[in-house]
Amino acid sequence: MENKTPLILKKAIVRQFPMVEAEQLERIAREAAFAPKNRMIEIDENRRLNVEDLRFVVANGMEKAPLDERNFLYATSIENLNSETSSVEEFFRWLSETTTILKHMNDGYVTEDDAKERQSFLDFTDQREGELMVCLGLYQSCRSPQAEERAKFIRYKLQKLREMRTSIKFLTKEGSDVMSTRSEYDVAIPYYKYFKNLQKLPFGYDVPYEERQKLGIDHSADRDMASDYDFYAKLVNDILDEMAKNEEKTARIKEEKAYHQQKSDKTTEFYGR
């Protein structure tokens, strides 16, 4: 998200709040444009407004730039980022990699290549989950039937990604040059079969809930996987908070530089007399 907002919005804010300082205007305009419902916006030291109230105040007939289309394009771009051919094929590639890792890490001797394969998958999926959560939030923000369908698609994909990662983390050892035991192999078999069965099903289909519960890896009940969880609101709040924090830091650095420059100028003036 760029640190720029429409000039028309800034002008509308200045008309309503003429005393706002220039350095605060960019922040207020940005939050008015992007902040989710119920976020409180600081106008100055004495005034804070709910973002919905702020938008109402500055509207004055000004049409808010539509974000839905842009957010849908952003989400699609993120979704296809590492998909190679398609988002569905990426999902089945994960399943294939998961069964391979479970097999290699539990078939006796764990080689260095086996360990690297495991760690590479865990590192990648940690990063990919973050990307897909952003993707999910952007789809949720669009509020269109097409976006809702994509959000449902991504939610299922994320649930299964978490199941794969959970299984690998708890059913395989870290490191190489170690032996897996027969009991570890026996414990891993039901999980291996579970992911093998998922590979045979069309995308979006699942094995019975009871079977997933028995394995102890079900993530469908995760709070942020619920259809009513507004990840977009959390995402935008986090971004806006981080940007505001960076601006405060920049302002402090400028003040310190100005203070030291002023001291330097006074010293120079004193010795120049």
Protein backbone atom coordinates (compact mmCIF):
# COMPACT_ATOMS: atom_id res chain seq x y z
CA MET A 1 0.00 0.00 0.00
CA GLU A 2 1.65 3.21 -1.12
CA ASN A 3 2.04 6.10 1.26
CA LYS A 4 -0.03 8.31 -1.05
CA THR A 5 -3.71 9.23 -1.04
CA PRO A 6 -5.92 11.11 -3.53
CA LEU A 7 -5.44 14.87 -3.62
CA ILE A 8 -9.22 15.36 -3.71
CA LEU A 9 -9.51 13.62 -0.34
CA LYS A 10 -6.77 15.77 1.20
CA LYS A 11 -8.47 18.94 -0.03
CA ALA A 12 -11.79 17.80 1.46
CA ILE A 13 -10.11 17.18 4.84
CA VAL A 14 -8.42 20.58 4.80
CA ARG A 15 -11.78 22.24 4.09
CA GLN A 16 -13.30 20.55 7.15
CA PHE A 17 -10.23 20.80 9.40
CA PRO A 18 -8.26 23.85 8.26
CA MET A 19 -6.05 23.83 11.36
CA VAL A 20 -4.60 20.36 10.64
CA GLU A 21 -0.83 20.54 10.20
CA ALA A 22 0.61 19.52 6.86
CA GLU A 23 2.58 16.57 8.24
CA GLN A 24 -0.62 15.11 9.78
CA LEU A 25 -2.71 15.52 6.64
CA GLU A 26 -1.21 12.54 4.78
CA ARG A 27 -1.87 10.23 7.75
CA ILE A 28 -5.49 11.39 8.22
CA ALA A 29 -6.23 11.15 4.49
CA ARG A 30 -4.67 7.70 4.27
CA GLU A 31 -6.66 6.40 7.24
CA ALA A 32 -9.88 7.96 5.94
CA ALA A 33 -9.36 6.10 2.65
CA PHE A 34 -8.27 2.70 3.93
CA ALA A 35 -9.10 2.19 7.60
CA PRO A 36 -11.71 -0.47 8.47
CA LYS A 37 -14.92 0.36 10.29
CA ASN A 38 -14.67 1.43 13.97
CA ARG A 39 -11.03 2.54 13.82
CA MET A 40 -10.53 5.79 15.74
CA ILE A 41 -8.65 8.50 13.83
CA GLU A 42 -6.71 11.21 15.66
CA ILE A 43 -7.33 14.60 14.02
CA ASP A 44 -5.29 16.60 16.52
CA GLU A 45 -4.48 16.53 20.24
CA ASN A 46 -8.07 17.33 21.18
CA ARG A 47 -10.09 15.47 18.55
CA ARG A 48 -10.55 11.81 17.63
CA LEU A 49 -13.22 10.53 15.27
CA ASN A 50 -14.52 7.11 14.31
CA VAL A 51 -13.42 6.55 10.70
CA GLU A 52 -17.05 6.25 9.54
CA ASP A 53 -17.82 9.65 11.10
CA LEU A 54 -14.70 11.11 9.53
CA ARG A 55 -15.71 9.86 6.10
CA PHE A 56 -19.18 11.33 6.56
CA VAL A 57 -17.74 14.70 7.59
CA VAL A 58 -15.36 15.01 4.63
CA ALA A 59 -17.65 13.46 2.04
CA ASN A 60 -19.60 16.57 0.93
CA GLY A 61 -20.72 14.79 -2.15
CA MET A 62 -17.22 13.59 -2.94
CA GLU A 63 -17.36 10.07 -4.32
CA LYS A 64 -14.99 7.70 -2.56
CA ALA A 65 -12.67 5.97 -5.01
CA PRO A 66 -13.78 2.35 -5.40
CA LEU A 67 -11.25 -0.07 -3.90
CA ASP A 68 -13.04 -3.34 -4.63
CA GLU A 69 -11.69 -3.86 -8.13
CA ARG A 70 -8.16 -2.92 -7.14
CA ASN A 71 -8.19 -5.18 -4.07
CA PHE A 72 -9.53 -8.10 -6.11
CA LEU A 73 -6.64 -7.69 -8.57
CA TYR A 74 -4.10 -7.48 -5.72
CA ALA A 75 -5.55 -10.65 -4.17
CA THR A 76 -5.48 -12.55 -7.45
CA SER A 77 -1.87 -11.51 -8.00
CA ILE A 78 -0.87 -12.77 -4.52
CA GLU A 79 -2.85 -15.98 -4.98
CA ASN A 80 -1.02 -16.79 -8.22
CA LEU A 81 2.39 -15.66 -6.94
CA ASN A 82 3.85 -19.15 -6.42
CA SER A 83 1.23 -21.22 -8.17
CA GLU A 84 3.22 -21.88 -11.36
CA THR A 85 0.30 -23.20 -13.45
CA SER A 86 -2.73 -22.67 -11.18
CA SER A 87 -3.71 -22.15 -7.55
CA VAL A 88 -5.35 -25.59 -7.46
CA GLU A 89 -2.23 -27.30 -8.82
CA GLU A 90 -0.17 -25.54 -6.16
CA PHE A 91 -2.42 -27.15 -3.54
CA PHE A 92 -1.93 -30.66 -4.96
CA ARG A 93 1.82 -30.04 -5.17
CA TRP A 94 1.79 -29.33 -1.42
CA LEU A 95 0.00 -32.63 -0.79
CA SER A 96 2.57 -34.50 -2.87
CA GLU A 97 5.47 -32.84 -1.05
CA THR A 98 3.87 -33.57 2.33
CA THR A 99 3.50 -37.31 1.67
CA THR A 100 7.05 -37.47 0.30
CA ILE A 101 8.48 -35.76 3.39
CA LEU A 102 6.47 -37.94 5.80
CA LYS A 103 7.76 -41.02 3.98
CA HIS A 104 11.42 -39.95 3.75
CA MET A 105 11.58 -38.77 7.38
CA ASN A 106 10.07 -41.98 8.78
CA ASP A 107 11.53 -44.77 6.63
CA GLY A 108 14.62 -45.45 8.73
CA TYR A 109 17.72 -43.31 8.22
CA VAL A 110 17.18 -39.53 7.84
CA THR A 111 19.67 -38.13 5.35
CA GLU A 112 20.83 -34.54 5.01
CA ASP A 113 18.74 -34.21 1.84
CA ASP A 114 15.67 -35.48 3.72
CA ALA A 115 16.18 -32.87 6.44
CA LYS A 116 16.70 -30.06 3.90
CA GLU A 117 13.54 -31.10 2.07
CA ARG A 118 11.59 -30.93 5.33
CA GLN A 119 12.98 -27.53 6.39
CA SER A 120 12.53 -26.02 2.94
CA PHE A 121 8.86 -26.99 2.93
CA LEU A 122 8.26 -25.59 6.43
CA ASP A 123 10.02 -22.29 5.60
CA PHE A 124 8.09 -21.93 2.36
CA THR A 125 4.70 -22.71 3.90
CA ASP A 126 5.25 -20.25 6.76
CA GLN A 127 5.80 -17.51 4.18
CA ARG A 128 3.02 -18.73 1.90
CA GLU A 129 0.48 -18.76 4.72
CA GLY A 130 1.23 -15.09 5.39
CA GLU A 131 0.73 -14.26 1.72
CA LEU A 132 -2.53 -16.18 1.51
CA MET A 133 -3.88 -14.55 4.68
CA VAL A 134 -3.31 -11.16 3.04
CA CYS A 135 -4.98 -12.55 -0.08
CA LEU A 136 -7.96 -13.74 1.99
CA GLY A 137 -8.29 -10.34 3.66
CA LEU A 138 -8.31 -8.53 0.31
CA TYR A 139 -10.99 -10.85 -1.08
CA GLN A 140 -13.06 -10.31 2.07
CA SER A 141 -12.85 -6.54 1.59
CA CYS A 142 -14.48 -6.70 -1.85
CA ARG A 143 -17.90 -7.92 -0.66
CA SER A 144 -18.89 -9.32 -4.05
CA PRO A 145 -20.18 -12.86 -4.82
CA GLN A 146 -17.08 -13.58 -6.92
CA ALA A 147 -14.74 -12.39 -4.15
CA GLU A 148 -16.68 -14.39 -1.52
CA GLU A 149 -16.22 -17.51 -3.62
CA ARG A 150 -12.47 -16.86 -3.90
CA ALA A 151 -12.28 -16.25 -0.12
CA LYS A 152 -13.98 -19.61 0.50
CA PHE A 153 -11.46 -21.24 -1.87
CA ILE A 154 -8.47 -19.66 -0.07
CA ARG A 155 -9.86 -20.49 3.37
CA TYR A 156 -10.02 -24.20 2.52
CA LYS A 157 -6.51 -24.07 1.05
CA LEU A 158 -5.16 -22.42 4.20
CA GLN A 159 -6.83 -24.97 6.49
CA LYS A 160 -5.22 -27.83 4.60
CA LEU A 161 -1.84 -26.07 4.48
CA ARG A 162 -1.92 -25.82 8.28
CA GLU A 163 -2.79 -29.51 8.53
CA MET A 164 0.19 -30.43 6.35
CA ARG A 165 2.60 -28.24 8.29
CA THR A 166 1.32 -29.43 11.67
CA SER A 167 1.77 -33.06 10.60
CA ILE A 168 5.32 -32.54 9.37
CA LYS A 169 6.34 -30.58 12.46
CA PHE A 170 5.11 -33.18 14.93
CA LEU A 171 5.72 -36.41 13.03
CA THR A 172 9.29 -35.81 11.87
CA LYS A 173 12.59 -35.07 13.59
CA GLU A 174 14.68 -31.96 13.11
CA GLY A 175 18.17 -32.50 11.75
CA SER A 176 19.81 -35.31 9.80
CA ASP A 177 21.96 -38.42 10.38
CA VAL A 178 19.37 -39.87 12.77
CA MET A 179 17.26 -43.02 12.70
CA SER A 180 13.47 -43.06 12.85
CA THR A 181 11.97 -45.85 14.93
CA ARG A 182 9.37 -48.41 13.98
CA SER A 183 6.86 -46.85 16.40
CA GLU A 184 7.39 -43.42 14.77
CA TYR A 185 6.79 -45.03 11.38
CA ASP A 186 3.55 -46.63 12.63
CA VAL A 187 2.30 -43.31 14.05
CA ALA A 188 2.99 -41.52 10.74
CA ILE A 189 1.13 -44.04 8.54
CA PRO A 190 -2.47 -42.75 9.17
CA TYR A 191 -1.37 -39.19 8.35
CA TYR A 192 0.40 -40.34 5.20
CA LYS A 193 -2.76 -42.19 4.10
CA TYR A 194 -4.92 -39.15 4.94
CA PHE A 195 -2.96 -36.83 2.65
CA LYS A 196 -2.80 -39.53 -0.02
CA ASN A 197 -6.61 -39.74 0.10
CA LEU A 198 -6.89 -35.96 -0.26
CA GLN A 199 -4.83 -36.20 -3.44
CA LYS A 200 -7.52 -38.48 -4.92
CA LEU A 201 -10.36 -36.06 -4.15
CA PRO A 202 -11.33 -32.99 -6.22
CA PHE A 203 -10.21 -29.67 -4.75
CA GLY A 204 -12.55 -28.53 -1.97
CA TYR A 205 -13.72 -32.01 -1.00
CA ASP A 206 -12.69 -33.50 2.33
CA VAL A 207 -12.55 -36.74 4.28
CA PRO A 208 -15.11 -37.17 7.10
CA TYR A 209 -14.75 -34.74 9.99
CA GLU A 210 -14.43 -37.58 12.53
CA GLU A 211 -11.34 -38.88 10.73
CA ARG A 212 -9.68 -35.47 10.82
CA GLN A 213 -10.55 -35.09 14.50
CA LYS A 214 -9.03 -38.48 15.26
CA LEU A 215 -5.72 -37.36 13.72
CA GLY A 216 -5.74 -34.20 15.84
CA ILE A 217 -4.75 -31.86 13.01
CA ASP A 218 -8.08 -30.27 12.07
CA HIS A 219 -7.82 -26.48 11.60
CA SER A 220 -11.36 -25.73 10.42
CA ALA A 221 -12.21 -24.38 13.89
CA ASP A 222 -9.31 -21.86 13.94
CA ARG A 223 -10.78 -18.44 14.77
CA ASP A 224 -9.17 -16.70 11.80
CA MET A 225 -10.58 -19.38 9.47
CA ALA A 226 -14.20 -18.56 10.37
CA SER A 227 -16.19 -16.94 7.56
CA ASP A 228 -17.11 -13.99 9.81
CA TYR A 229 -13.51 -13.27 10.87
CA ASP A 230 -12.51 -9.92 9.34
CA PHE A 231 -8.84 -10.42 8.58
CA TYR A 232 -8.93 -7.39 6.26
CA ALA A 233 -9.71 -5.10 9.21
CA LYS A 234 -6.77 -6.54 11.17
CA LEU A 235 -4.50 -6.28 8.13
CA VAL A 236 -5.29 -2.63 7.44
CA ASN A 237 -5.12 -1.67 11.12
CA ASP A 238 -1.67 -3.26 11.37
CA ILE A 239 -0.46 -1.47 8.23
CA LEU A 240 -1.81 1.90 9.32
CA ASP A 241 -0.34 1.53 12.83
CA GLU A 242 3.06 0.62 11.38
CA MET A 243 3.02 3.55 8.96
CA ALA A 244 1.98 5.97 11.72
CA LYS A 245 4.78 4.60 13.91
CA ASN A 246 7.33 5.16 11.12
CA GLU A 247 6.09 8.70 10.59
CA GLU A 248 6.39 9.48 14.30
CA LYS A 249 9.95 8.13 14.26
CA THR A 250 10.81 10.25 11.21
CA ALA A 251 9.31 13.34 12.87
CA ARG A 252 11.40 12.74 16.04
CA ILE A 253 14.58 12.39 13.98
CA LYS A 254 13.80 15.67 12.18
CA GLU A 255 13.19 17.43 15.49
CA GLU A 256 16.49 16.13 16.91
CA LYS A 257 18.39 17.26 13.81
CA ALA A 258 16.76 20.68 13.96
CA TYR A 259 17.61 20.97 17.68
CA HIS A 260 21.28 20.04 17.15
CA GLN A 261 21.50 22.35 14.16
CA GLN A 262 20.09 25.19 16.23
CA LYS A 263 22.65 24.52 18.99
CA SER A 264 25.42 24.40 16.42
CA ASP A 265 24.31 27.69 14.87
CA LYS A 266 24.22 29.38 18.29
CA THR A 267 27.71 28.10 19.12
CA THR A 268 29.04 29.35 15.80
CA GLU A 269 27.38 32.73 16.37
CA PHE A 270 28.85 33.02 19.90
CA TYR A 271 32.44 32.30 18.83
CA GLY A 272 32.06 34.49 15.78
CA ARG A 273 31.56 37.62 17.81
